[in-house]
Amino acid sequence: MDKNLKEIVILHSNDIHGKFEGEKDEDGNIRHSLALVSGYVNRAKKENPDTVYVIAGDVFQGSLIDSEYQGLSTMDILNLIDIDLMSLGNHELDYGISHMMFVSRYADFPILTANFRIKKNNRNLFKPYQVLDIGGFKVLFIGLITAGT
């Protein structure tokens, strides 16, 4: 690699939907489990310290465990993964705005959304953005949620 270039790695996932255990492929191998994701993220960050892992939302809904505990179990599991930040998805609001505000207090990482605001006073409920230093570069991450939400 050119000595004037710096490699940074941004890992991303979305639409986890409470599916922690993954699924078996046609050969019986487990795929897409959060344990595998966590291992991959840890290995990538060890190989290149200029690596970040971000989630673009929709971690809630889709599993019996998540539905039963309304996102609290999901947040507990996500806290075991080395997540640098997360953006809200529409399913994070399925249990209500006030419940998401409650659950977000359990996150060990910032939760972002720039365009989810209180109409009355035009204030954000979550941080709109986060600047991360990745390999000496300032990288701006903005959380956005679909307009229909």
C-alpha atoms as a PDB file:
ATOM      1  CA  MET A   1       0.000   0.000   0.000  1.00  0.00           C
ATOM      2  CA  ASP A   2       1.165   3.517  -0.785  1.00  0.00           C
ATOM      3  CA  LYS A   3       2.704   5.057   2.349  1.00  0.00           C
ATOM      4  CA  ASN A   4       0.589   8.182   1.777  1.00  0.00           C
ATOM      5  CA  LEU A   5      -2.639   6.172   1.977  1.00  0.00           C
ATOM      6  CA  LYS A   6      -4.369   4.983   5.125  1.00  0.00           C
ATOM      7  CA  GLU A   7      -6.825   2.110   5.179  1.00  0.00           C
ATOM      8  CA  ILE A   8      -9.874   2.450   7.372  1.00  0.00           C
ATOM      9  CA  VAL A   9     -12.595  -0.183   7.611  1.00  0.00           C
ATOM     10  CA  ILE A  10     -16.248   0.492   8.323  1.00  0.00           C
ATOM     11  CA  LEU A  11     -18.241  -2.647   9.085  1.00  0.00           C
ATOM     12  CA  HIS A  12     -22.004  -2.328   8.934  1.00  0.00           C
ATOM     13  CA  SER A  13     -25.110  -4.359   9.568  1.00  0.00           C
ATOM     14  CA  ASN A  14     -28.821  -3.727   9.745  1.00  0.00           C
ATOM     15  CA  ASP A  15     -32.130  -5.570  10.014  1.00  0.00           C
ATOM     16  CA  ILE A  16     -31.022  -7.966  12.746  1.00  0.00           C
ATOM     17  CA  HIS A  17     -34.659  -8.109  13.946  1.00  0.00           C
ATOM     18  CA  GLY A  18     -33.928  -9.949  17.187  1.00  0.00           C
ATOM     19  CA  LYS A  19     -32.461 -12.960  15.399  1.00  0.00           C
ATOM     20  CA  PHE A  20     -29.532 -13.690  17.666  1.00  0.00           C
ATOM     21  CA  GLU A  21     -28.961 -17.381  16.999  1.00  0.00           C
ATOM     22  CA  GLY A  22     -28.653 -17.198  13.208  1.00  0.00           C
ATOM     23  CA  GLU A  23     -29.900 -19.890  10.874  1.00  0.00           C
ATOM     24  CA  LYS A  24     -28.637 -23.154   9.436  1.00  0.00           C
ATOM     25  CA  ASP A  25     -27.647 -23.358   5.808  1.00  0.00           C
ATOM     26  CA  GLU A  26     -28.234 -26.420   3.603  1.00  0.00           C
ATOM     27  CA  ASP A  27     -25.083 -28.050   5.028  1.00  0.00           C
ATOM     28  CA  GLY A  28     -26.200 -27.562   8.633  1.00  0.00           C
ATOM     29  CA  ASN A  29     -23.716 -24.767   9.350  1.00  0.00           C
ATOM     30  CA  ILE A  30     -24.876 -21.818  11.448  1.00  0.00           C
ATOM     31  CA  ARG A  31     -24.863 -18.530   9.509  1.00  0.00           C
ATOM     32  CA  HIS A  32     -25.593 -14.937  10.515  1.00  0.00           C
ATOM     33  CA  SER A  33     -25.594 -15.415  14.281  1.00  0.00           C
ATOM     34  CA  LEU A  34     -24.622 -12.487  16.470  1.00  0.00           C
ATOM     35  CA  ALA A  35     -21.892 -14.654  17.986  1.00  0.00           C
ATOM     36  CA  LEU A  36     -20.343 -14.991  14.527  1.00  0.00           C
ATOM     37  CA  VAL A  37     -20.777 -11.261  13.905  1.00  0.00           C
ATOM     38  CA  SER A  38     -19.086 -10.478  17.210  1.00  0.00           C
ATOM     39  CA  GLY A  39     -16.173 -12.782  16.387  1.00  0.00           C
ATOM     40  CA  TYR A  40     -15.792 -11.233  12.960  1.00  0.00           C
ATOM     41  CA  VAL A  41     -15.846  -7.687  14.368  1.00  0.00           C
ATOM     42  CA  ASN A  42     -13.281  -8.585  17.048  1.00  0.00           C
ATOM     43  CA  ARG A  43     -10.981 -10.210  14.497  1.00  0.00           C
ATOM     44  CA  ALA A  44     -11.300  -7.289  12.050  1.00  0.00           C
ATOM     45  CA  LYS A  45     -10.528  -4.749  14.788  1.00  0.00           C
ATOM     46  CA  LYS A  46      -7.525  -6.796  15.928  1.00  0.00           C
ATOM     47  CA  GLU A  47      -6.186  -7.023  12.351  1.00  0.00           C
ATOM     48  CA  ASN A  48      -6.782  -3.322  11.706  1.00  0.00           C
ATOM     49  CA  PRO A  49      -7.289  -1.005  14.683  1.00  0.00           C
ATOM     50  CA  ASP A  50      -8.739   1.568  12.259  1.00  0.00           C
ATOM     51  CA  THR A  51     -11.955  -0.452  12.028  1.00  0.00           C
ATOM     52  CA  VAL A  52     -15.386   0.563  13.293  1.00  0.00           C
ATOM     53  CA  TYR A  53     -18.627  -1.393  13.477  1.00  0.00           C
ATOM     54  CA  VAL A  54     -21.926   0.417  13.042  1.00  0.00           C
ATOM     55  CA  ILE A  55     -25.533  -0.757  12.975  1.00  0.00           C
ATOM     56  CA  ALA A  56     -28.084   1.008  10.780  1.00  0.00           C
ATOM     57  CA  GLY A  57     -31.159   0.009  12.748  1.00  0.00           C
ATOM     58  CA  ASP A  58     -34.014  -2.477  12.903  1.00  0.00           C
ATOM     59  CA  VAL A  59     -32.484  -4.620  15.624  1.00  0.00           C
ATOM     60  CA  PHE A  60     -35.880  -5.060  17.349  1.00  0.00           C
ATOM     61  CA  GLN A  61     -38.833  -7.263  16.377  1.00  0.00           C
ATOM     62  CA  GLY A  62     -38.771 -10.586  14.637  1.00  0.00           C
ATOM     63  CA  SER A  63     -38.073 -13.039  17.447  1.00  0.00           C
ATOM     64  CA  LEU A  64     -39.999 -14.379  20.403  1.00  0.00           C
ATOM     65  CA  ILE A  65     -37.223 -13.318  22.789  1.00  0.00           C
ATOM     66  CA  ASP A  66     -37.229  -9.742  21.527  1.00  0.00           C
ATOM     67  CA  SER A  67     -41.021  -9.518  21.594  1.00  0.00           C
ATOM     68  CA  GLU A  68     -41.208 -10.896  25.131  1.00  0.00           C
ATOM     69  CA  TYR A  69     -38.647  -8.453  26.535  1.00  0.00           C
ATOM     70  CA  GLN A  70     -39.439  -5.593  24.141  1.00  0.00           C
ATOM     71  CA  GLY A  71     -35.874  -4.864  23.109  1.00  0.00           C
ATOM     72  CA  LEU A  72     -34.217  -5.096  26.536  1.00  0.00           C
ATOM     73  CA  SER A  73     -32.811  -8.560  25.803  1.00  0.00           C
ATOM     74  CA  THR A  74     -31.640  -7.355  22.406  1.00  0.00           C
ATOM     75  CA  MET A  75     -29.802  -4.416  23.964  1.00  0.00           C
ATOM     76  CA  ASP A  76     -28.154  -6.737  26.504  1.00  0.00           C
ATOM     77  CA  ILE A  77     -26.890  -8.934  23.667  1.00  0.00           C
ATOM     78  CA  LEU A  78     -25.776  -5.988  21.520  1.00  0.00           C
ATOM     79  CA  ASN A  79     -23.748  -4.679  24.458  1.00  0.00           C
ATOM     80  CA  LEU A  80     -21.623  -7.837  24.222  1.00  0.00           C
ATOM     81  CA  ILE A  81     -20.529  -6.837  20.716  1.00  0.00           C
ATOM     82  CA  ASP A  82     -17.958  -4.095  20.111  1.00  0.00           C
ATOM     83  CA  ILE A  83     -20.399  -1.649  18.466  1.00  0.00           C
ATOM     84  CA  ASP A  84     -19.166   1.877  17.853  1.00  0.00           C
ATOM     85  CA  LEU A  85     -22.580   3.397  17.142  1.00  0.00           C
ATOM     86  CA  MET A  86     -26.088   2.628  15.971  1.00  0.00           C
ATOM     87  CA  SER A  87     -28.772   4.489  14.064  1.00  0.00           C
ATOM     88  CA  LEU A  88     -32.446   4.025  14.869  1.00  0.00           C
ATOM     89  CA  GLY A  89     -34.584   2.037  12.476  1.00  0.00           C
ATOM     90  CA  ASN A  90     -38.358   2.136  12.300  1.00  0.00           C
ATOM     91  CA  HIS A  91     -38.697  -1.106  14.304  1.00  0.00           C
ATOM     92  CA  GLU A  92     -36.913   0.413  17.288  1.00  0.00           C
ATOM     93  CA  LEU A  93     -40.122   2.393  17.777  1.00  0.00           C
ATOM     94  CA  ASP A  94     -42.497  -0.595  17.584  1.00  0.00           C
ATOM     95  CA  TYR A  95     -42.811  -0.677  21.380  1.00  0.00           C
ATOM     96  CA  GLY A  96     -43.358   3.100  21.553  1.00  0.00           C
ATOM     97  CA  ILE A  97     -41.151   6.161  21.683  1.00  0.00           C
ATOM     98  CA  SER A  98     -40.983   6.320  25.469  1.00  0.00           C
ATOM     99  CA  HIS A  99     -39.998   2.638  25.646  1.00  0.00           C
ATOM    100  CA  MET A 100     -37.200   3.214  23.123  1.00  0.00           C
ATOM    101  CA  MET A 101     -35.971   6.133  25.195  1.00  0.00           C
ATOM    102  CA  PHE A 102     -35.924   3.780  28.207  1.00  0.00           C
ATOM    103  CA  VAL A 103     -34.156   0.939  26.351  1.00  0.00           C
ATOM    104  CA  SER A 104     -31.600   3.315  24.832  1.00  0.00           C
ATOM    105  CA  ARG A 105     -30.319   4.121  28.313  1.00  0.00           C
ATOM    106  CA  TYR A 106     -29.008   0.541  28.468  1.00  0.00           C
ATOM    107  CA  ALA A 107     -26.910   0.857  25.312  1.00  0.00           C
ATOM    108  CA  ASP A 108     -23.146   0.924  25.787  1.00  0.00           C
ATOM    109  CA  PHE A 109     -22.824   2.788  22.487  1.00  0.00           C
ATOM    110  CA  PRO A 110     -24.331   5.981  21.030  1.00  0.00           C
ATOM    111  CA  ILE A 111     -27.686   5.761  19.253  1.00  0.00           C
ATOM    112  CA  LEU A 112     -28.141   8.359  16.537  1.00  0.00           C
ATOM    113  CA  THR A 113     -30.947   9.872  14.534  1.00  0.00           C
ATOM    114  CA  ALA A 114     -30.909  13.364  13.060  1.00  0.00           C
ATOM    115  CA  ASN A 115     -34.398  13.540  11.627  1.00  0.00           C
ATOM    116  CA  PHE A 116     -36.514  12.237  14.521  1.00  0.00           C
ATOM    117  CA  ARG A 117     -37.482  15.367  16.383  1.00  0.00           C
ATOM    118  CA  ILE A 118     -40.160  16.670  18.739  1.00  0.00           C
ATOM    119  CA  LYS A 119     -42.463  18.893  16.671  1.00  0.00           C
ATOM    120  CA  LYS A 120     -43.377  21.244  19.504  1.00  0.00           C
ATOM    121  CA  ASN A 121     -39.822  22.439  20.197  1.00  0.00           C
ATOM    122  CA  ASN A 122     -37.909  20.914  17.246  1.00  0.00           C
ATOM    123  CA  ARG A 123     -35.479  19.073  19.547  1.00  0.00           C
ATOM    124  CA  ASN A 124     -33.768  15.787  18.874  1.00  0.00           C
ATOM    125  CA  LEU A 125     -34.577  12.826  21.097  1.00  0.00           C
ATOM    126  CA  PHE A 126     -31.227  11.225  20.224  1.00  0.00           C
ATOM    127  CA  LYS A 127     -27.858  12.525  19.156  1.00  0.00           C
ATOM    128  CA  PRO A 128     -28.101  13.481  15.483  1.00  0.00           C
ATOM    129  CA  TYR A 129     -24.505  12.619  14.601  1.00  0.00           C
ATOM    130  CA  GLN A 130     -21.197  11.354  15.949  1.00  0.00           C
ATOM    131  CA  VAL A 131     -17.677  12.134  14.804  1.00  0.00           C
ATOM    132  CA  LEU A 132     -15.257   9.243  15.212  1.00  0.00           C
ATOM    133  CA  ASP A 133     -11.504   9.431  14.880  1.00  0.00           C
ATOM    134  CA  ILE A 134     -10.555   6.530  12.634  1.00  0.00           C
ATOM    135  CA  GLY A 135      -6.884   6.262  11.855  1.00  0.00           C
ATOM    136  CA  GLY A 136      -6.336   9.970  12.349  1.00  0.00           C
ATOM    137  CA  PHE A 137      -9.291  10.922  10.149  1.00  0.00           C
ATOM    138  CA  LYS A 138     -12.412  12.573  11.504  1.00  0.00           C
ATOM    139  CA  VAL A 139     -15.363  10.610  10.106  1.00  0.00           C
ATOM    140  CA  LEU A 140     -18.896  11.955  10.500  1.00  0.00           C
ATOM    141  CA  PHE A 141     -21.740   9.481  10.997  1.00  0.00           C
ATOM    142  CA  ILE A 142     -25.318  10.711  10.729  1.00  0.00           C
ATOM    143  CA  GLY A 143     -28.285   8.689  11.937  1.00  0.00           C
ATOM    144  CA  LEU A 144     -31.354   8.902   9.712  1.00  0.00           C
ATOM    145  CA  ILE A 145     -34.733   7.201   9.989  1.00  0.00           C
ATOM    146  CA  THR A 146     -37.266   6.789   7.202  1.00  0.00           C
ATOM    147  CA  ALA A 147     -39.592   9.761   6.767  1.00  0.00           C
ATOM    148  CA  GLY A 148     -42.687   7.575   7.137  1.00  0.00           C
ATOM    149  CA  THR A 149     -41.704   6.674  10.683  1.00  0.00           C
END
